[in-house]
Each structure stands twice: as C-alpha cells, then as structure tokens.
Amino acid sequence: MDRPAAPVEDYTAAQQLADSMAHKLREIMGELGVAPNEICQIRGLVSASGTPYVRIGEFRIGSTMQLIAGLSSPEKAHAVAGSPASPVVPAESFG
C-alpha cells in the first residue's frame, strides 16, 4: 500500500527547512576551509512522506579531517557557530 503524499504546504515547509539547514551547513563547512566544489554537494531534500533531509555527499579525506577538527574543537565550534560554548539556561526554565 502506498503512503499518501504530503500536502503541498507541508512539503514546501519541509523543503524550506531542509534547504535552510543545508545552507547553514555549507556556510560552516566553508568557514572550516572545505573546498567549494565539495560544499556544493550539500543539498536539502524531502522524502515522499514529507520528511526533510540534508544530503551531505562525498568529501576527500582532507576535507573530512577539517570537518572532524571543527566538530571536535569547542573553540572552533564556538567561533563557527557564534554561540557560547556552554549555553546559559535560566533556572526558571526548570521550574
């Protein structure tokens, strides 16, 4: 039995979310020094059921090492994300 297709509005919202996340990932990868010809592989897509995904693609080992270094270094991650290394959450949030 086939799954019903997602309504156009849901599909459009899912595609916008996937595209937005792919764009952000491309920006971060560029800041980490990954080559533009590899970054362009990162794309947002939506499944037939309406689930948003980001296709990352294939990267050379050097680019992969740059990504791993960026992900494993809190200082680098902080600089790229522009947010504090540890988020500050008000105590009232847990009340």
N, C-alpha and C. Protein backbone atom coordinates (compact mmCIF):
# COMPACT_ATOMS: atom_id res chain seq x y z
N MET A 1 0.85 -1.18 0.00
CA MET A 1 0.00 0.00 0.00
C MET A 1 0.89 1.24 0.00
N ASP A 2 0.59 2.19 -0.87
CA ASP A 2 1.36 3.43 -0.96
C ASP A 2 0.97 4.38 0.15
N ARG A 3 1.98 5.11 0.64
CA ARG A 3 1.70 6.14 1.64
C ARG A 3 1.08 7.34 0.93
N PRO A 4 0.17 8.04 1.60
CA PRO A 4 -0.38 9.24 0.97
C PRO A 4 0.70 10.31 0.87
N ALA A 5 0.68 11.05 -0.21
CA ALA A 5 1.66 12.12 -0.41
C ALA A 5 1.39 13.24 0.61
N ALA A 6 2.46 13.91 1.00
CA ALA A 6 2.33 15.03 1.94
C ALA A 6 1.62 16.19 1.24
N PRO A 7 0.77 16.92 1.96
CA PRO A 7 0.15 18.11 1.35
C PRO A 7 1.23 19.08 0.88
N VAL A 8 0.90 19.86 -0.13
CA VAL A 8 1.87 20.79 -0.72
C VAL A 8 2.44 21.74 0.32
N GLU A 9 1.62 22.23 1.25
CA GLU A 9 2.10 23.16 2.27
C GLU A 9 3.14 22.50 3.17
N ASP A 10 2.87 21.25 3.56
CA ASP A 10 3.81 20.52 4.40
C ASP A 10 5.11 20.25 3.65
N TYR A 11 4.97 19.88 2.38
CA TYR A 11 6.15 19.61 1.56
C TYR A 11 6.99 20.89 1.42
N THR A 12 6.33 22.00 1.15
CA THR A 12 7.04 23.28 0.98
C THR A 12 7.76 23.66 2.26
N ALA A 13 7.11 23.52 3.41
CA ALA A 13 7.75 23.84 4.69
C ALA A 13 8.93 22.92 4.96
N ALA A 14 8.76 21.64 4.65
CA ALA A 14 9.85 20.68 4.85
C ALA A 14 11.03 21.00 3.93
N GLN A 15 10.75 21.39 2.68
CA GLN A 15 11.82 21.72 1.74
C GLN A 15 12.55 22.98 2.19
N GLN A 16 11.80 23.97 2.69
CA GLN A 16 12.43 25.19 3.18
C GLN A 16 13.33 24.89 4.38
N LEU A 17 12.89 24.03 5.27
CA LEU A 17 13.70 23.64 6.42
C LEU A 17 14.96 22.91 5.97
N ALA A 18 14.81 21.94 5.08
CA ALA A 18 15.96 21.19 4.58
C ALA A 18 16.95 22.11 3.86
N ASP A 19 16.44 23.01 3.03
CA ASP A 19 17.30 23.95 2.31
C ASP A 19 18.03 24.89 3.27
N SER A 20 17.32 25.34 4.29
CA SER A 20 17.92 26.24 5.28
C SER A 20 19.05 25.55 6.05
N MET A 21 18.81 24.31 6.46
CA MET A 21 19.84 23.57 7.19
C MET A 21 21.03 23.24 6.28
N ALA A 22 20.76 22.92 5.02
CA ALA A 22 21.83 22.64 4.07
C ALA A 22 22.67 23.90 3.84
N HIS A 23 22.00 25.04 3.72
CA HIS A 23 22.72 26.31 3.54
C HIS A 23 23.62 26.61 4.74
N LYS A 24 23.09 26.43 5.93
CA LYS A 24 23.88 26.68 7.14
C LYS A 24 25.08 25.73 7.20
N LEU A 25 24.87 24.46 6.86
CA LEU A 25 25.96 23.50 6.86
C LEU A 25 27.02 23.87 5.82
N ARG A 26 26.58 24.34 4.64
CA ARG A 26 27.53 24.78 3.62
C ARG A 26 28.36 25.97 4.12
N GLU A 27 27.72 26.90 4.81
CA GLU A 27 28.44 28.06 5.37
C GLU A 27 29.50 27.60 6.37
N ILE A 28 29.11 26.72 7.28
CA ILE A 28 30.04 26.24 8.31
C ILE A 28 31.19 25.48 7.68
N MET A 29 30.88 24.62 6.71
CA MET A 29 31.94 23.87 6.04
C MET A 29 32.91 24.81 5.34
N GLY A 30 32.39 25.89 4.75
CA GLY A 30 33.25 26.88 4.11
C GLY A 30 34.15 27.57 5.12
N GLU A 31 33.61 27.91 6.28
CA GLU A 31 34.39 28.54 7.34
C GLU A 31 35.48 27.60 7.86
N LEU A 32 35.24 26.31 7.75
CA LEU A 32 36.24 25.33 8.19
C LEU A 32 37.30 25.07 7.12
N GLY A 33 37.11 25.66 5.94
CA GLY A 33 38.11 25.54 4.89
C GLY A 33 37.86 24.45 3.87
N VAL A 34 36.67 23.88 3.85
CA VAL A 34 36.35 22.84 2.87
C VAL A 34 36.16 23.52 1.51
N ALA A 35 36.67 22.88 0.47
CA ALA A 35 36.64 23.43 -0.88
C ALA A 35 35.21 23.62 -1.39
N PRO A 36 34.96 24.73 -2.12
CA PRO A 36 33.62 24.98 -2.66
C PRO A 36 33.08 23.86 -3.55
N ASN A 37 33.97 23.21 -4.31
CA ASN A 37 33.48 22.14 -5.19
C ASN A 37 33.00 20.91 -4.41
N GLU A 38 33.36 20.83 -3.13
CA GLU A 38 32.84 19.75 -2.28
C GLU A 38 31.60 20.23 -1.52
N ILE A 39 31.62 21.48 -1.12
CA ILE A 39 30.49 22.05 -0.36
C ILE A 39 29.21 22.03 -1.19
N CYS A 40 29.34 22.23 -2.49
CA CYS A 40 28.15 22.31 -3.34
C CYS A 40 27.35 21.01 -3.38
N GLN A 41 27.92 19.92 -2.87
CA GLN A 41 27.20 18.64 -2.82
C GLN A 41 26.13 18.62 -1.73
N ILE A 42 26.23 19.51 -0.76
CA ILE A 42 25.30 19.52 0.37
C ILE A 42 23.98 20.12 -0.09
N ARG A 43 22.93 19.33 -0.02
CA ARG A 43 21.62 19.76 -0.52
C ARG A 43 20.49 19.32 0.41
N GLY A 44 19.47 20.15 0.46
CA GLY A 44 18.26 19.78 1.19
C GLY A 44 17.35 18.99 0.28
N LEU A 45 16.66 18.01 0.86
CA LEU A 45 15.69 17.26 0.09
C LEU A 45 14.57 16.79 1.01
N VAL A 46 13.49 16.37 0.40
CA VAL A 46 12.32 15.91 1.14
C VAL A 46 11.89 14.57 0.59
N SER A 47 11.63 13.62 1.49
CA SER A 47 11.17 12.29 1.06
C SER A 47 9.71 12.37 0.61
N ALA A 48 9.25 11.31 0.00
CA ALA A 48 7.86 11.24 -0.47
C ALA A 48 6.87 11.39 0.68
N SER A 49 7.29 10.98 1.90
CA SER A 49 6.40 11.09 3.05
C SER A 49 6.46 12.48 3.69
N GLY A 50 7.33 13.37 3.16
CA GLY A 50 7.39 14.73 3.68
C GLY A 50 8.47 14.97 4.72
N THR A 51 9.37 14.01 4.92
CA THR A 51 10.43 14.16 5.92
C THR A 51 11.61 14.91 5.31
N PRO A 52 12.05 16.02 5.96
CA PRO A 52 13.20 16.76 5.42
C PRO A 52 14.52 16.07 5.76
N TYR A 53 15.45 16.12 4.82
CA TYR A 53 16.79 15.54 4.98
C TYR A 53 17.82 16.51 4.43
N VAL A 54 19.07 16.32 4.83
CA VAL A 54 20.19 17.02 4.21
C VAL A 54 21.13 15.96 3.67
N ARG A 55 21.32 15.99 2.36
CA ARG A 55 22.27 15.07 1.71
C ARG A 55 23.63 15.74 1.78
N ILE A 56 24.58 15.04 2.39
CA ILE A 56 25.90 15.64 2.60
C ILE A 56 26.84 15.34 1.45
N GLY A 57 26.84 14.17 0.88
CA GLY A 57 27.69 13.87 -0.26
C GLY A 57 28.99 13.21 0.14
N GLU A 58 29.96 13.30 -0.76
CA GLU A 58 31.26 12.66 -0.55
C GLU A 58 32.33 13.73 -0.47
N PHE A 59 33.26 13.54 0.48
CA PHE A 59 34.33 14.52 0.69
C PHE A 59 35.68 13.82 0.70
N ARG A 60 36.68 14.52 0.25
CA ARG A 60 38.04 13.99 0.32
C ARG A 60 38.44 13.85 1.78
N ILE A 61 39.44 13.03 2.01
CA ILE A 61 39.90 12.78 3.38
C ILE A 61 40.33 14.09 4.05
N GLY A 62 41.04 14.95 3.36
CA GLY A 62 41.48 16.22 3.95
C GLY A 62 40.30 17.07 4.41
N SER A 63 39.26 17.14 3.58
CA SER A 63 38.07 17.89 3.96
C SER A 63 37.36 17.26 5.14
N THR A 64 37.34 15.94 5.15
CA THR A 64 36.73 15.21 6.26
C THR A 64 37.48 15.50 7.55
N MET A 65 38.80 15.54 7.46
CA MET A 65 39.62 15.84 8.64
C MET A 65 39.34 17.26 9.14
N GLN A 66 39.14 18.21 8.22
CA GLN A 66 38.80 19.58 8.62
C GLN A 66 37.45 19.61 9.34
N LEU A 67 36.49 18.87 8.84
CA LEU A 67 35.17 18.81 9.47
C LEU A 67 35.27 18.19 10.85
N ILE A 68 36.00 17.10 10.98
CA ILE A 68 36.15 16.44 12.27
C ILE A 68 36.83 17.36 13.27
N ALA A 69 37.87 18.07 12.82
CA ALA A 69 38.56 19.02 13.71
C ALA A 69 37.61 20.11 14.18
N GLY A 70 36.78 20.61 13.27
CA GLY A 70 35.82 21.65 13.64
C GLY A 70 34.76 21.15 14.61
N LEU A 71 34.33 19.92 14.43
CA LEU A 71 33.31 19.35 15.31
C LEU A 71 33.86 18.98 16.67
N SER A 72 35.13 18.59 16.72
CA SER A 72 35.70 18.12 17.98
C SER A 72 36.37 19.22 18.80
N SER A 73 36.50 20.41 18.24
CA SER A 73 37.14 21.51 18.95
C SER A 73 36.09 22.51 19.43
N PRO A 74 35.84 22.59 20.74
CA PRO A 74 34.84 23.54 21.24
C PRO A 74 35.15 24.97 20.83
N GLU A 75 36.45 25.34 20.81
CA GLU A 75 36.82 26.70 20.44
C GLU A 75 36.44 26.97 18.99
N LYS A 76 36.74 26.02 18.12
CA LYS A 76 36.43 26.16 16.71
C LYS A 76 34.91 26.15 16.50
N ALA A 77 34.24 25.26 17.19
CA ALA A 77 32.79 25.18 17.07
C ALA A 77 32.15 26.48 17.56
N HIS A 78 32.68 27.05 18.63
CA HIS A 78 32.18 28.31 19.17
C HIS A 78 32.38 29.43 18.16
N ALA A 79 33.55 29.48 17.57
CA ALA A 79 33.85 30.53 16.60
C ALA A 79 32.96 30.41 15.37
N VAL A 80 32.70 29.21 14.93
CA VAL A 80 31.88 28.98 13.74
C VAL A 80 30.42 29.27 14.04
N ALA A 81 29.92 28.75 15.14
CA ALA A 81 28.51 28.90 15.46
C ALA A 81 28.17 30.28 16.00
N GLY A 82 29.15 30.96 16.58
CA GLY A 82 28.89 32.28 17.14
C GLY A 82 28.05 32.23 18.39
N SER A 83 28.08 31.12 19.09
CA SER A 83 27.31 30.99 20.31
C SER A 83 28.24 30.54 21.43
N PRO A 84 27.80 30.72 22.68
CA PRO A 84 28.66 30.30 23.79
C PRO A 84 28.94 28.80 23.74
N ALA A 85 30.12 28.42 24.23
CA ALA A 85 30.49 27.00 24.25
C ALA A 85 29.50 26.20 25.08
N SER A 86 29.05 26.75 26.19
CA SER A 86 28.04 26.11 27.02
C SER A 86 26.85 27.05 27.11
N PRO A 87 25.67 26.63 26.68
CA PRO A 87 24.51 27.52 26.74
C PRO A 87 24.14 27.85 28.17
N VAL A 88 23.65 29.06 28.35
CA VAL A 88 23.21 29.51 29.66
C VAL A 88 21.68 29.44 29.65
N VAL A 89 21.13 28.63 30.53
CA VAL A 89 19.70 28.46 30.62
C VAL A 89 19.22 29.00 31.96
N PRO A 90 18.25 29.93 31.96
CA PRO A 90 17.77 30.47 33.23
C PRO A 90 17.16 29.38 34.09
N ALA A 91 17.33 29.48 35.40
CA ALA A 91 16.81 28.49 36.34
C ALA A 91 15.30 28.37 36.24
N GLU A 92 14.61 29.46 35.86
CA GLU A 92 13.15 29.41 35.77
C GLU A 92 12.69 28.40 34.72
N SER A 93 13.54 28.10 33.77
CA SER A 93 13.16 27.15 32.72
C SER A 93 12.87 25.77 33.27
N PHE A 94 13.43 25.47 34.42
CA PHE A 94 13.25 24.14 35.01
C PHE A 94 12.19 24.11 36.11
N GLY A 95 11.51 25.22 36.30
CA GLY A 95 10.56 25.33 37.38
C GLY A 95 9.31 24.67 37.12
